[in-house]
Amino acid sequence: MKKAVKAVLLLMVMLTVVYFGAVVYVYTNSTSRKSSIEYRLLKDFFAERLGTEPQEWNTTEELGITFGEKLNNKTYDILVVDEEKALLWMNGTEPQPYATKYNDEFYRIGFIWVDYGSENNFYEVFNGLQVPIGGALGVGWVSTGILAIKNRDKKLKV
């Protein structure tokens, strides 16, 4: 019985090391939002077209941005062209602007919380399995502990 406990313990250690290695690999080698990570930004900014002219708005030059890829009919991704100006409001040093004007139309500046690994295919596959695998490892460790305690109790009784 002692050999079985050692074998199970060794297996659990190996599975745990592989699991944590995969988690660390996925989160450190994510390909998306590298520039956001460099500046510790937790938001991805975009511009969504407004129907009316807002009372207050900033030019794209004042904000240090330009409009990037068109995401759909009313939304553009925002690209930084002047880091000094953009990082002030993106990092929260200055209040975030509500709107800007681009091609004679007004756009609301918005953001979504960044998920650094969202474009990494391995991350997408692993993300759905991360909790179940972690839960299974937890159950495995508890079971291993129970097995070791039962084995110890049998050894003490003999």
C-alpha atoms as a PDB file:
ATOM      1  CA  MET A   1       0.000   0.000   0.000  1.00  0.00           C
ATOM      2  CA  LYS A   2       2.913   2.321   0.730  1.00  0.00           C
ATOM      3  CA  LYS A   3       4.060   2.117  -2.905  1.00  0.00           C
ATOM      4  CA  ALA A   4       0.564   3.029  -4.132  1.00  0.00           C
ATOM      5  CA  VAL A   5       0.517   6.193  -1.976  1.00  0.00           C
ATOM      6  CA  LYS A   6       3.960   7.205  -3.251  1.00  0.00           C
ATOM      7  CA  ALA A   7       2.907   6.573  -6.856  1.00  0.00           C
ATOM      8  CA  VAL A   8      -0.299   8.607  -6.456  1.00  0.00           C
ATOM      9  CA  LEU A   9       1.612  11.400  -4.715  1.00  0.00           C
ATOM     10  CA  LEU A  10       4.223  11.491  -7.485  1.00  0.00           C
ATOM     11  CA  LEU A  11       1.474  11.532 -10.142  1.00  0.00           C
ATOM     12  CA  MET A  12      -0.320  14.411  -8.382  1.00  0.00           C
ATOM     13  CA  VAL A  13       2.890  16.428  -8.149  1.00  0.00           C
ATOM     14  CA  MET A  14       3.596  15.898 -11.866  1.00  0.00           C
ATOM     15  CA  LEU A  15       0.036  16.825 -12.905  1.00  0.00           C
ATOM     16  CA  THR A  16       0.087  19.915 -10.700  1.00  0.00           C
ATOM     17  CA  VAL A  17       3.419  21.091 -12.105  1.00  0.00           C
ATOM     18  CA  VAL A  18       2.174  20.593 -15.679  1.00  0.00           C
ATOM     19  CA  TYR A  19      -1.079  22.406 -14.892  1.00  0.00           C
ATOM     20  CA  PHE A  20       0.591  25.423 -13.289  1.00  0.00           C
ATOM     21  CA  GLY A  21       3.199  25.498 -16.049  1.00  0.00           C
ATOM     22  CA  ALA A  22       0.437  25.656 -18.663  1.00  0.00           C
ATOM     23  CA  VAL A  23      -1.358  28.429 -16.760  1.00  0.00           C
ATOM     24  CA  VAL A  24       1.819  30.498 -16.427  1.00  0.00           C
ATOM     25  CA  TYR A  25       2.730  29.911 -20.081  1.00  0.00           C
ATOM     26  CA  VAL A  26      -0.672  31.016 -21.327  1.00  0.00           C
ATOM     27  CA  TYR A  27      -0.766  34.191 -19.268  1.00  0.00           C
ATOM     28  CA  THR A  28       2.828  35.249 -19.918  1.00  0.00           C
ATOM     29  CA  ASN A  29       2.939  34.504 -23.646  1.00  0.00           C
ATOM     30  CA  SER A  30      -0.348  36.044 -24.610  1.00  0.00           C
ATOM     31  CA  THR A  31      -0.063  37.868 -27.946  1.00  0.00           C
ATOM     32  CA  SER A  32      -2.890  40.368 -27.551  1.00  0.00           C
ATOM     33  CA  ARG A  33      -2.701  43.840 -26.113  1.00  0.00           C
ATOM     34  CA  LYS A  34       1.071  43.861 -25.645  1.00  0.00           C
ATOM     35  CA  SER A  35       1.117  47.676 -25.787  1.00  0.00           C
ATOM     36  CA  SER A  36      -1.582  47.830 -23.112  1.00  0.00           C
ATOM     37  CA  ILE A  37       0.472  45.553 -20.893  1.00  0.00           C
ATOM     38  CA  GLU A  38       3.549  47.749 -21.336  1.00  0.00           C
ATOM     39  CA  TYR A  39       1.642  50.757 -20.014  1.00  0.00           C
ATOM     40  CA  ARG A  40      -0.372  48.755 -17.445  1.00  0.00           C
ATOM     41  CA  LEU A  41      -3.656  49.703 -19.117  1.00  0.00           C
ATOM     42  CA  LEU A  42      -6.538  47.479 -18.160  1.00  0.00           C
ATOM     43  CA  LYS A  43      -8.907  48.851 -20.775  1.00  0.00           C
ATOM     44  CA  ASP A  44      -9.186  48.657 -24.553  1.00  0.00           C
ATOM     45  CA  PHE A  45     -10.551  51.941 -25.890  1.00  0.00           C
ATOM     46  CA  PHE A  46     -12.897  52.342 -28.837  1.00  0.00           C
ATOM     47  CA  ALA A  47     -15.060  55.063 -30.401  1.00  0.00           C
ATOM     48  CA  GLU A  48     -18.779  54.618 -31.073  1.00  0.00           C
ATOM     49  CA  ARG A  49     -20.700  57.041 -33.315  1.00  0.00           C
ATOM     50  CA  LEU A  50     -23.169  59.365 -31.603  1.00  0.00           C
ATOM     51  CA  GLY A  51     -26.458  60.498 -33.116  1.00  0.00           C
ATOM     52  CA  THR A  52     -26.201  64.090 -31.877  1.00  0.00           C
ATOM     53  CA  GLU A  53     -23.476  66.627 -31.187  1.00  0.00           C
ATOM     54  CA  PRO A  54     -22.341  66.505 -27.562  1.00  0.00           C
ATOM     55  CA  GLN A  55     -21.945  69.671 -25.498  1.00  0.00           C
ATOM     56  CA  GLU A  56     -18.278  68.939 -24.789  1.00  0.00           C
ATOM     57  CA  TRP A  57     -15.845  67.099 -27.001  1.00  0.00           C
ATOM     58  CA  ASN A  58     -12.127  66.906 -27.769  1.00  0.00           C
ATOM     59  CA  THR A  59     -10.271  66.670 -31.037  1.00  0.00           C
ATOM     60  CA  THR A  60      -8.297  63.549 -31.795  1.00  0.00           C
ATOM     61  CA  GLU A  61      -5.113  65.686 -31.716  1.00  0.00           C
ATOM     62  CA  GLU A  62      -5.892  66.837 -28.153  1.00  0.00           C
ATOM     63  CA  LEU A  63      -6.366  63.240 -27.060  1.00  0.00           C
ATOM     64  CA  GLY A  64      -3.287  61.929 -28.866  1.00  0.00           C
ATOM     65  CA  ILE A  65      -5.259  59.314 -30.785  1.00  0.00           C
ATOM     66  CA  THR A  66      -6.398  58.409 -34.246  1.00  0.00           C
ATOM     67  CA  PHE A  67      -9.117  56.098 -35.457  1.00  0.00           C
ATOM     68  CA  GLY A  68      -7.943  52.638 -36.396  1.00  0.00           C
ATOM     69  CA  GLU A  69      -9.755  49.610 -37.729  1.00  0.00           C
ATOM     70  CA  LYS A  70     -13.494  49.935 -38.298  1.00  0.00           C
ATOM     71  CA  LEU A  71     -15.050  47.299 -36.052  1.00  0.00           C
ATOM     72  CA  ASN A  72     -18.608  47.675 -37.378  1.00  0.00           C
ATOM     73  CA  ASN A  73     -20.780  50.401 -38.958  1.00  0.00           C
ATOM     74  CA  LYS A  74     -20.635  52.662 -35.904  1.00  0.00           C
ATOM     75  CA  THR A  75     -17.478  51.658 -34.015  1.00  0.00           C
ATOM     76  CA  TYR A  76     -13.734  52.183 -34.505  1.00  0.00           C
ATOM     77  CA  ASP A  77     -10.746  50.940 -32.581  1.00  0.00           C
ATOM     78  CA  ILE A  78      -8.609  53.760 -31.140  1.00  0.00           C
ATOM     79  CA  LEU A  79      -4.885  53.934 -31.913  1.00  0.00           C
ATOM     80  CA  VAL A  80      -2.415  56.033 -29.924  1.00  0.00           C
ATOM     81  CA  VAL A  81      -0.301  58.475 -31.953  1.00  0.00           C
ATOM     82  CA  ASP A  82       0.925  60.746 -29.126  1.00  0.00           C
ATOM     83  CA  GLU A  83       1.721  58.707 -26.024  1.00  0.00           C
ATOM     84  CA  GLU A  84       2.155  61.705 -23.707  1.00  0.00           C
ATOM     85  CA  LYS A  85      -1.340  63.043 -24.395  1.00  0.00           C
ATOM     86  CA  ALA A  86      -3.121  59.686 -24.609  1.00  0.00           C
ATOM     87  CA  LEU A  87      -1.627  58.047 -21.539  1.00  0.00           C
ATOM     88  CA  LEU A  88      -2.740  60.948 -19.327  1.00  0.00           C
ATOM     89  CA  TRP A  89      -6.435  60.164 -19.753  1.00  0.00           C
ATOM     90  CA  MET A  90      -6.040  56.445 -20.465  1.00  0.00           C
ATOM     91  CA  ASN A  91      -4.223  55.879 -17.160  1.00  0.00           C
ATOM     92  CA  GLY A  92      -6.701  58.062 -15.281  1.00  0.00           C
ATOM     93  CA  THR A  93      -4.346  60.990 -14.544  1.00  0.00           C
ATOM     94  CA  GLU A  94      -6.834  63.259 -16.316  1.00  0.00           C
ATOM     95  CA  PRO A  95     -10.594  62.678 -16.664  1.00  0.00           C
ATOM     96  CA  GLN A  96     -11.542  60.412 -19.537  1.00  0.00           C
ATOM     97  CA  PRO A  97     -12.992  62.380 -22.476  1.00  0.00           C
ATOM     98  CA  TYR A  98     -16.588  61.707 -23.375  1.00  0.00           C
ATOM     99  CA  ALA A  99     -16.497  62.381 -27.113  1.00  0.00           C
ATOM    100  CA  THR A 100     -14.338  63.281 -30.077  1.00  0.00           C
ATOM    101  CA  LYS A 101     -14.915  64.414 -33.648  1.00  0.00           C
ATOM    102  CA  TYR A 102     -13.757  62.386 -36.640  1.00  0.00           C
ATOM    103  CA  ASN A 103     -14.717  62.897 -40.317  1.00  0.00           C
ATOM    104  CA  ASP A 104     -17.391  65.460 -39.340  1.00  0.00           C
ATOM    105  CA  GLU A 105     -19.116  62.967 -37.038  1.00  0.00           C
ATOM    106  CA  PHE A 106     -19.041  62.684 -33.259  1.00  0.00           C
ATOM    107  CA  TYR A 107     -17.963  59.559 -31.441  1.00  0.00           C
ATOM    108  CA  ARG A 108     -18.292  58.531 -27.813  1.00  0.00           C
ATOM    109  CA  ILE A 109     -15.072  57.227 -26.276  1.00  0.00           C
ATOM    110  CA  GLY A 110     -15.699  53.956 -24.500  1.00  0.00           C
ATOM    111  CA  PHE A 111     -13.714  51.039 -23.191  1.00  0.00           C
ATOM    112  CA  ILE A 112     -13.916  47.380 -22.375  1.00  0.00           C
ATOM    113  CA  TRP A 113     -11.826  45.564 -19.806  1.00  0.00           C
ATOM    114  CA  VAL A 114      -8.870  43.880 -21.447  1.00  0.00           C
ATOM    115  CA  ASP A 115      -8.488  40.117 -21.394  1.00  0.00           C
ATOM    116  CA  TYR A 116      -4.824  39.833 -22.316  1.00  0.00           C
ATOM    117  CA  GLY A 117      -5.065  36.363 -23.823  1.00  0.00           C
ATOM    118  CA  SER A 118      -8.281  36.650 -25.796  1.00  0.00           C
ATOM    119  CA  GLU A 119      -6.547  36.308 -29.186  1.00  0.00           C
ATOM    120  CA  ASN A 120      -4.413  33.344 -28.172  1.00  0.00           C
ATOM    121  CA  ASN A 121      -5.996  30.119 -29.452  1.00  0.00           C
ATOM    122  CA  PHE A 122      -4.428  27.982 -26.717  1.00  0.00           C
ATOM    123  CA  TYR A 123      -5.826  30.378 -24.131  1.00  0.00           C
ATOM    124  CA  GLU A 124      -9.331  30.097 -25.578  1.00  0.00           C
ATOM    125  CA  VAL A 125      -9.193  26.299 -25.422  1.00  0.00           C
ATOM    126  CA  PHE A 126      -7.551  26.198 -22.000  1.00  0.00           C
ATOM    127  CA  ASN A 127      -9.718  28.933 -20.443  1.00  0.00           C
ATOM    128  CA  GLY A 128     -12.839  26.762 -20.543  1.00  0.00           C
ATOM    129  CA  LEU A 129     -10.921  23.864 -18.979  1.00  0.00           C
ATOM    130  CA  GLN A 130      -8.909  25.810 -16.411  1.00  0.00           C
ATOM    131  CA  VAL A 131     -11.475  25.629 -13.598  1.00  0.00           C
ATOM    132  CA  PRO A 132     -12.510  21.975 -14.161  1.00  0.00           C
ATOM    133  CA  ILE A 133      -8.863  20.849 -14.336  1.00  0.00           C
ATOM    134  CA  GLY A 134      -8.019  22.892 -11.235  1.00  0.00           C
ATOM    135  CA  GLY A 135     -11.032  21.414  -9.444  1.00  0.00           C
ATOM    136  CA  ALA A 136     -10.020  17.887 -10.443  1.00  0.00           C
ATOM    137  CA  LEU A 137      -6.503  18.533  -9.137  1.00  0.00           C
ATOM    138  CA  GLY A 138      -7.977  19.790  -5.870  1.00  0.00           C
ATOM    139  CA  VAL A 139     -10.112  16.656  -5.516  1.00  0.00           C
ATOM    140  CA  GLY A 140      -7.052  14.564  -6.383  1.00  0.00           C
ATOM    141  CA  TRP A 141      -4.977  16.228  -3.650  1.00  0.00           C
ATOM    142  CA  VAL A 142      -7.727  15.751  -1.056  1.00  0.00           C
ATOM    143  CA  SER A 143      -8.086  12.103  -2.086  1.00  0.00           C
ATOM    144  CA  THR A 144      -4.327  11.628  -1.904  1.00  0.00           C
ATOM    145  CA  GLY A 145      -4.303  13.123   1.592  1.00  0.00           C
ATOM    146  CA  ILE A 146      -7.125  10.832   2.702  1.00  0.00           C
ATOM    147  CA  LEU A 147      -5.313   7.820   1.214  1.00  0.00           C
ATOM    148  CA  ALA A 148      -2.080   8.792   2.997  1.00  0.00           C
ATOM    149  CA  ILE A 149      -3.887   9.254   6.335  1.00  0.00           C
ATOM    150  CA  LYS A 150      -5.637   5.876   6.017  1.00  0.00           C
ATOM    151  CA  ASN A 151      -2.316   4.254   5.148  1.00  0.00           C
ATOM    152  CA  ARG A 152      -0.666   5.909   8.159  1.00  0.00           C
ATOM    153  CA  ASP A 153      -3.502   4.793  10.480  1.00  0.00           C
ATOM    154  CA  LYS A 154      -3.128   1.180   9.244  1.00  0.00           C
ATOM    155  CA  LYS A 155       0.619   1.383   9.836  1.00  0.00           C
ATOM    156  CA  LEU A 156       0.109   2.693  13.409  1.00  0.00           C
ATOM    157  CA  LYS A 157      -2.400  -0.070  14.247  1.00  0.00           C
ATOM    158  CA  VAL A 158      -0.048  -2.860  13.135  1.00  0.00           C
END
